[in-house]
Amino acid sequence: MLKLIKKLITLGLILVVVLGGGFFWLVSSALDLKSEQVDFHIARGSSMRIAANEIASAGVPLHPWVLIVLGKALHVENSIKAGSYEINRGITTLELLKKLTRGDVKQTEIAFIEGWTFSQMRERLDAHPDVRHESKGLPDSEIMRLIGAQEGAAEGLFFPDTYLFAKQSSDIDVLSRAYRTMQRHLAREWEGRAGGLPYKNAYEALIMASIVEKETGRDQDRPLVAAVFANRLRLGMLLQTDPTVIYGVGEMFDGNLRKSDLLNDTPFNTYTRAGLPPTPIAMPGLASLRATLHPAPSKALYFVARGDGSSVFSQTLDEHNQAVNRYQRGGK
């Protein structure tokens, strides 16, 4: 009897080794994909069983039970990450499971450009094919609430950059990242700002940075443009900057700034109202933030575009009028 028990135990051990070896061979062998690449999406909250069935349904020649058993054996059955995945020919079941537990999802990107308005940002997001559109149709104030922002107005509070994200990420998550990135940059630049600036807080500096962003795209001129506007604020002069007027005109602006626009008293008309406009007028980049908080040591109060991307800066109205006559009116 004892010999029989020993034989059964031995046979059992051999069977376990054989089955274990067979299972290891199964999960270590390349899956026979019918194409070079297969894409699939794992929804948030999916169990290992749901994920395995979804992968098989996408065309991956995988027995769902194999992935489920492997996940349990490695104690990772509750560790899979949601997202869109891409696998290539040659991948094994074990590598697939590691990919799922790492959250090695397929990524895409979106670019927000310096000088864009929040409306332009939303248009880019709404048109992106790989974004989960949760903000479409919502008012700006509701979006700000959803991303946890304290501010009510959204303009200028998002950092222009290229953002990588997993396919089918929420547009709210993308906006939240851009908002937090701007908060970090603004806080750091405000902390290291030059002394004697005419801004009460970081938000006022952000408003000015948005104006600097719209007034010039030339790196060398940004600190001088920032100096002109800072000097004007200190003296109580009107800023008289066209981009704020254009922003106030809004969708009615047809590309031609008229005298009637300059006389139309909107909250953003810096020809009719003193001080800063109530909000930023666009997304400033890091260069404009730094120029605003570290303006050039200049007494200039005026500037005019040369027509080649650069500007001429003047301390007096007479000098400025001469520059305008030369570069804007074709005078000698």
Protein backbone atom coordinates (compact mmCIF):
# COMPACT_ATOMS: atom_id res chain seq x y z
CA MET A 1 0.00 0.00 0.00
CA LEU A 2 2.81 2.37 0.94
CA LYS A 3 4.58 1.63 -2.34
CA LEU A 4 1.37 2.44 -4.22
CA ILE A 5 1.03 5.79 -2.45
CA LYS A 6 4.64 6.64 -3.27
CA LYS A 7 4.05 5.76 -6.92
CA LEU A 8 0.93 7.94 -7.02
CA ILE A 9 2.80 10.85 -5.45
CA THR A 10 5.63 10.42 -7.93
CA LEU A 11 3.21 10.29 -10.84
CA GLY A 12 1.45 13.37 -9.46
CA LEU A 13 4.71 15.28 -9.25
CA ILE A 14 5.64 14.24 -12.78
CA LEU A 15 2.21 15.36 -13.99
CA VAL A 16 2.60 18.73 -12.27
CA VAL A 17 6.04 19.20 -13.81
CA VAL A 18 4.76 18.22 -17.26
CA LEU A 19 1.70 20.45 -17.02
CA GLY A 20 3.76 23.29 -15.58
CA GLY A 21 6.33 22.92 -18.32
CA GLY A 22 3.63 22.82 -20.94
CA PHE A 23 1.96 25.91 -19.53
CA PHE A 24 5.29 27.74 -19.37
CA TRP A 25 5.94 26.79 -23.01
CA LEU A 26 2.46 28.01 -23.93
CA VAL A 27 2.80 31.46 -22.33
CA SER A 28 6.40 31.85 -23.57
CA SER A 29 5.62 31.07 -27.20
CA ALA A 30 4.90 33.84 -29.69
CA LEU A 31 1.22 34.43 -30.38
CA ASP A 32 0.33 33.69 -33.99
CA LEU A 33 -0.94 37.14 -34.96
CA LYS A 34 -2.55 37.30 -38.39
CA SER A 35 -1.19 40.80 -39.01
CA GLU A 36 1.95 42.68 -38.03
CA GLN A 37 0.04 44.75 -35.47
CA VAL A 38 -3.17 44.44 -33.48
CA ASP A 39 -4.84 47.24 -31.52
CA PHE A 40 -7.31 46.84 -28.69
CA HIS A 41 -8.75 48.93 -25.88
CA ILE A 42 -9.23 47.95 -22.23
CA ALA A 43 -11.99 49.96 -20.59
CA ARG A 44 -11.55 51.43 -17.13
CA GLY A 45 -12.62 49.02 -14.39
CA SER A 46 -12.26 45.90 -16.55
CA SER A 47 -11.51 42.62 -14.77
CA MET A 48 -8.86 40.23 -16.07
CA ARG A 49 -11.61 38.05 -17.52
CA ILE A 50 -13.21 40.98 -19.39
CA ALA A 51 -9.80 42.16 -20.60
CA ALA A 52 -8.84 38.68 -21.84
CA ASN A 53 -12.09 38.34 -23.76
CA GLU A 54 -11.68 41.84 -25.24
CA ILE A 55 -8.18 40.97 -26.44
CA ALA A 56 -9.36 37.74 -28.01
CA SER A 57 -12.27 39.57 -29.67
CA ALA A 58 -9.80 42.04 -31.21
CA GLY A 59 -8.26 39.18 -33.18
CA VAL A 60 -5.44 38.06 -30.89
CA PRO A 61 -5.24 34.21 -31.06
CA LEU A 62 -5.33 33.84 -27.30
CA HIS A 63 -7.35 31.47 -25.13
CA PRO A 64 -8.72 33.85 -22.44
CA TRP A 65 -8.31 31.23 -19.71
CA VAL A 66 -4.53 31.17 -20.32
CA LEU A 67 -4.19 34.88 -19.55
CA ILE A 68 -6.55 34.58 -16.56
CA VAL A 69 -4.62 31.64 -15.04
CA LEU A 70 -1.28 33.36 -15.68
CA GLY A 71 -2.52 36.53 -13.99
CA LYS A 72 -3.65 34.57 -10.95
CA ALA A 73 -0.40 32.59 -10.81
CA LEU A 74 1.64 35.82 -10.80
CA HIS A 75 -0.81 37.58 -8.43
CA VAL A 76 -1.40 40.44 -10.89
CA GLU A 77 -4.99 39.68 -11.90
CA ASN A 78 -6.10 42.99 -10.34
CA SER A 79 -3.21 45.08 -11.70
CA ILE A 80 -4.12 45.59 -15.34
CA LYS A 81 -4.31 49.19 -16.56
CA ALA A 82 -7.00 50.69 -18.76
CA GLY A 83 -6.10 52.24 -22.08
CA SER A 84 -5.45 51.61 -25.77
CA TYR A 85 -2.78 49.05 -26.56
CA GLU A 86 -0.79 48.03 -29.60
CA ILE A 87 0.94 44.67 -29.87
CA ASN A 88 3.20 43.42 -32.63
CA ARG A 89 3.88 40.03 -34.13
CA GLY A 90 6.26 37.99 -31.96
CA ILE A 91 4.77 38.96 -28.60
CA THR A 92 4.16 36.18 -26.06
CA THR A 93 1.31 35.84 -23.59
CA LEU A 94 3.70 36.57 -20.73
CA GLU A 95 4.94 39.75 -22.45
CA LEU A 96 1.35 40.74 -23.14
CA LEU A 97 0.48 40.40 -19.46
CA LYS A 98 3.50 42.50 -18.47
CA LYS A 99 2.40 45.14 -20.96
CA LEU A 100 -1.08 45.21 -19.42
CA THR A 101 0.20 45.49 -15.84
CA ARG A 102 2.75 48.20 -16.73
CA GLY A 103 0.11 50.23 -18.50
CA ASP A 104 2.32 50.33 -21.58
CA VAL A 105 -0.43 51.95 -23.60
CA LYS A 106 -0.33 53.36 -27.11
CA GLN A 107 0.35 57.09 -26.95
CA THR A 108 -0.55 60.04 -29.10
CA GLU A 109 0.07 63.76 -28.76
CA ILE A 110 -1.53 67.16 -29.02
CA ALA A 111 0.15 70.55 -29.44
CA PHE A 112 -1.09 73.80 -27.93
CA ILE A 113 0.62 76.82 -29.49
CA GLU A 114 1.87 80.01 -27.84
CA GLY A 115 -0.57 82.84 -28.43
CA TRP A 116 -3.60 80.61 -28.86
CA THR A 117 -6.83 81.46 -27.09
CA PHE A 118 -8.73 78.96 -24.96
CA SER A 119 -11.29 78.74 -27.73
CA GLN A 120 -8.58 77.61 -30.15
CA MET A 121 -7.40 75.03 -27.62
CA ARG A 122 -10.90 73.62 -27.35
CA GLU A 123 -11.26 73.45 -31.13
CA ARG A 124 -8.02 71.45 -31.35
CA LEU A 125 -9.20 69.07 -28.61
CA ASP A 126 -12.66 68.66 -30.14
CA ALA A 127 -11.09 67.73 -33.48
CA HIS A 128 -8.57 65.25 -32.07
CA PRO A 129 -9.56 61.69 -33.06
CA ASP A 130 -7.80 59.97 -30.15
CA VAL A 131 -9.31 62.01 -27.30
CA ARG A 132 -12.33 60.99 -25.26
CA HIS A 133 -14.50 64.08 -25.62
CA GLU A 134 -15.96 64.89 -22.21
CA SER A 135 -15.73 68.70 -22.37
CA LYS A 136 -17.48 69.21 -25.70
CA GLY A 137 -20.37 71.65 -25.29
CA LEU A 138 -19.57 72.48 -21.66
CA PRO A 139 -19.17 76.13 -20.65
CA ASP A 140 -15.64 77.26 -19.78
CA SER A 141 -16.61 77.72 -16.13
CA GLU A 142 -17.70 74.08 -15.85
CA ILE A 143 -14.42 72.91 -17.38
CA MET A 144 -12.51 74.97 -14.83
CA ARG A 145 -14.53 73.34 -12.06
CA LEU A 146 -13.87 69.85 -13.42
CA ILE A 147 -10.10 70.38 -13.52
CA GLY A 148 -10.14 71.73 -9.97
CA ALA A 149 -9.14 75.30 -10.85
CA GLN A 150 -9.96 78.16 -8.52
CA GLU A 151 -10.23 80.69 -11.34
CA GLY A 152 -13.50 81.22 -13.15
CA ALA A 153 -12.09 82.52 -16.44
CA ALA A 154 -10.07 79.97 -18.41
CA GLU A 155 -8.16 82.27 -20.76
CA GLY A 156 -4.38 82.13 -20.51
CA LEU A 157 -4.24 79.58 -17.69
CA PHE A 158 -2.99 76.65 -19.79
CA PHE A 159 0.63 76.15 -20.75
CA PRO A 160 1.38 75.90 -24.49
CA ASP A 161 3.33 72.72 -25.16
CA THR A 162 3.12 69.32 -26.83
CA TYR A 163 1.48 66.79 -24.53
CA LEU A 164 1.81 63.01 -24.87
CA PHE A 165 -1.09 60.92 -23.59
CA ALA A 166 -2.65 57.50 -23.92
CA LYS A 167 -5.20 57.15 -26.67
CA GLN A 168 -8.78 57.68 -25.50
CA SER A 169 -7.66 59.76 -22.53
CA SER A 170 -10.23 62.31 -21.40
CA ASP A 171 -9.84 65.82 -22.80
CA ILE A 172 -10.47 66.99 -19.23
CA ASP A 173 -7.32 65.13 -18.14
CA VAL A 174 -5.31 66.76 -20.93
CA LEU A 175 -6.56 70.21 -19.96
CA SER A 176 -5.84 69.51 -16.32
CA ARG A 177 -2.21 68.69 -17.18
CA ALA A 178 -1.84 71.89 -19.21
CA TYR A 179 -3.38 73.90 -16.35
CA ARG A 180 -1.11 72.38 -13.70
CA THR A 181 1.92 72.92 -15.94
CA MET A 182 1.11 76.63 -16.25
CA GLN A 183 0.58 76.89 -12.50
CA ARG A 184 4.05 75.42 -11.87
CA HIS A 185 5.79 77.69 -14.40
CA LEU A 186 3.95 80.78 -13.22
CA ALA A 187 4.66 80.11 -9.54
CA ARG A 188 8.37 79.53 -10.20
CA GLU A 189 8.77 82.61 -12.40
CA TRP A 190 6.79 84.80 -10.00
CA GLU A 191 8.94 83.63 -7.10
CA GLY A 192 12.11 84.67 -8.94
CA ARG A 193 10.75 87.92 -10.38
CA ALA A 194 12.71 91.15 -10.60
CA GLY A 195 12.03 93.87 -8.05
CA GLY A 196 9.84 96.93 -8.57
CA LEU A 197 7.36 95.40 -11.01
CA PRO A 198 3.91 97.05 -11.25
CA TYR A 199 1.99 93.78 -10.71
CA LYS A 200 0.07 92.98 -7.54
CA ASN A 201 0.10 89.24 -8.04
CA ALA A 202 1.09 86.43 -10.39
CA TYR A 203 -2.23 86.59 -12.24
CA GLU A 204 -1.61 90.22 -13.26
CA ALA A 205 1.81 89.16 -14.51
CA LEU A 206 0.14 86.39 -16.51
CA ILE A 207 -2.19 88.94 -18.11
CA MET A 208 0.78 91.06 -19.12
CA ALA A 209 2.69 88.02 -20.39
CA SER A 210 -0.23 87.22 -22.70
CA ILE A 211 -0.02 90.74 -24.15
CA VAL A 212 3.74 90.42 -24.64
CA GLU A 213 3.14 87.08 -26.36
CA LYS A 214 0.72 88.65 -28.85
CA GLU A 215 2.81 91.77 -29.45
CA THR A 216 5.97 90.04 -30.63
CA GLY A 217 7.29 86.64 -31.63
CA ARG A 218 10.89 87.84 -31.57
CA ASP A 219 12.82 86.64 -28.53
CA GLN A 220 15.15 89.64 -28.48
CA ASP A 221 12.26 92.10 -28.34
CA ARG A 222 10.18 90.46 -25.61
CA PRO A 223 12.03 92.00 -22.60
CA LEU A 224 11.86 95.44 -24.25
CA VAL A 225 8.14 95.11 -25.03
CA ALA A 226 7.59 94.02 -21.42
CA ALA A 227 9.58 97.04 -20.24
CA VAL A 228 7.46 99.46 -22.31
CA PHE A 229 4.22 98.18 -20.80
CA ALA A 230 5.64 98.07 -17.26
CA ASN A 231 6.86 101.67 -17.66
CA ARG A 232 3.42 102.74 -18.88
CA LEU A 233 1.68 101.08 -15.94
CA ARG A 234 4.00 102.81 -13.47
CA LEU A 235 3.23 106.21 -15.02
CA GLY A 236 -0.51 105.59 -15.27
CA MET A 237 -0.42 105.73 -19.07
CA LEU A 238 -2.87 103.78 -21.19
CA LEU A 239 -1.32 100.57 -22.53
CA GLN A 240 -2.84 101.16 -25.99
CA THR A 241 -2.09 97.71 -27.31
CA ASP A 242 -3.99 96.46 -30.37
CA PRO A 243 -4.13 92.73 -29.42
CA THR A 244 -6.32 93.49 -26.40
CA VAL A 245 -8.71 95.48 -28.57
CA ILE A 246 -8.87 92.63 -31.08
CA TYR A 247 -9.59 90.18 -28.26
CA GLY A 248 -12.44 92.41 -27.08
CA VAL A 249 -13.90 92.54 -30.59
CA GLY A 250 -13.97 88.74 -30.54
CA GLU A 251 -15.49 86.78 -33.42
CA MET A 252 -16.55 90.04 -35.12
CA PHE A 253 -12.90 90.80 -35.92
CA ASP A 254 -12.29 90.28 -39.65
CA GLY A 255 -8.54 90.88 -39.70
CA ASN A 256 -8.79 94.64 -40.15
CA LEU A 257 -8.56 96.78 -37.00
CA ARG A 258 -10.61 99.94 -37.57
CA LYS A 259 -10.76 103.28 -35.78
CA SER A 260 -14.26 102.37 -34.62
CA ASP A 261 -12.79 99.31 -32.88
CA LEU A 262 -10.29 101.50 -31.05
CA LEU A 263 -13.16 103.72 -29.86
CA ASN A 264 -15.45 100.83 -28.91
CA ASP A 265 -15.24 100.66 -25.10
CA THR A 266 -14.98 96.98 -24.17
CA PRO A 267 -13.36 95.69 -20.94
CA PHE A 268 -10.35 94.75 -23.09
CA ASN A 269 -9.93 98.07 -24.89
CA THR A 270 -6.66 99.45 -23.51
CA TYR A 271 -7.13 102.62 -25.58
CA THR A 272 -10.21 103.57 -23.55
CA ARG A 273 -9.50 101.90 -20.21
CA ALA A 274 -6.50 102.30 -17.92
CA GLY A 275 -4.52 99.43 -16.47
CA LEU A 276 -4.58 95.78 -17.40
CA PRO A 277 -7.51 94.02 -19.06
CA PRO A 278 -9.54 91.74 -16.75
CA THR A 279 -8.03 88.46 -17.99
CA PRO A 280 -5.21 87.23 -20.21
CA ILE A 281 -5.92 87.37 -23.94
CA ALA A 282 -4.02 84.22 -24.93
CA MET A 283 -1.62 81.52 -23.71
CA PRO A 284 1.81 83.00 -23.09
CA GLY A 285 4.85 80.79 -23.51
CA LEU A 286 7.71 80.55 -21.04
CA ALA A 287 9.76 83.18 -22.89
CA SER A 288 6.98 85.76 -22.51
CA LEU A 289 6.49 84.89 -18.83
CA ARG A 290 10.19 85.38 -18.16
CA ALA A 291 10.37 88.60 -20.16
CA THR A 292 7.39 90.01 -18.26
CA LEU A 293 8.92 89.22 -14.89
CA HIS A 294 12.43 90.25 -15.98
CA PRO A 295 11.89 93.23 -18.31
CA ALA A 296 14.83 94.98 -19.93
CA PRO A 297 16.33 97.97 -18.08
CA SER A 298 14.77 100.48 -20.45
CA LYS A 299 12.89 103.78 -20.16
CA ALA A 300 11.12 103.26 -23.48
CA LEU A 301 7.40 104.06 -23.57
CA TYR A 302 6.66 103.33 -27.23
CA PHE A 303 7.48 100.80 -29.92
CA VAL A 304 6.53 100.27 -33.54
CA ALA A 305 7.06 97.30 -35.84
CA ARG A 306 9.69 97.67 -38.53
CA GLY A 307 7.94 95.21 -40.79
CA ASP A 308 10.64 92.54 -40.60
CA GLY A 309 9.51 91.06 -37.29
CA SER A 310 11.56 93.45 -35.14
CA SER A 311 10.50 96.69 -33.44
CA VAL A 312 11.86 100.18 -32.84
CA PHE A 313 11.66 101.41 -29.23
CA SER A 314 11.40 105.09 -28.26
CA GLN A 315 11.42 107.08 -25.02
CA THR A 316 9.54 110.11 -26.31
CA LEU A 317 6.41 110.61 -28.39
CA ASP A 318 8.36 112.66 -30.91
CA GLU A 319 10.87 109.83 -31.47
CA HIS A 320 7.99 107.38 -31.73
CA ASN A 321 6.15 109.48 -34.32
CA GLN A 322 9.32 109.65 -36.41
CA ALA A 323 9.63 105.85 -36.25
CA VAL A 324 5.96 105.41 -37.18
CA ASN A 325 6.42 107.77 -40.14
CA ARG A 326 9.46 105.86 -41.30
CA TYR A 327 8.33 102.27 -40.85
CA GLN A 328 4.53 102.43 -41.04
CA ARG A 329 3.86 105.33 -43.41
CA GLY A 330 6.82 104.99 -45.75
CA GLY A 331 8.37 108.33 -44.77
CA LYS A 332 12.06 109.12 -45.02
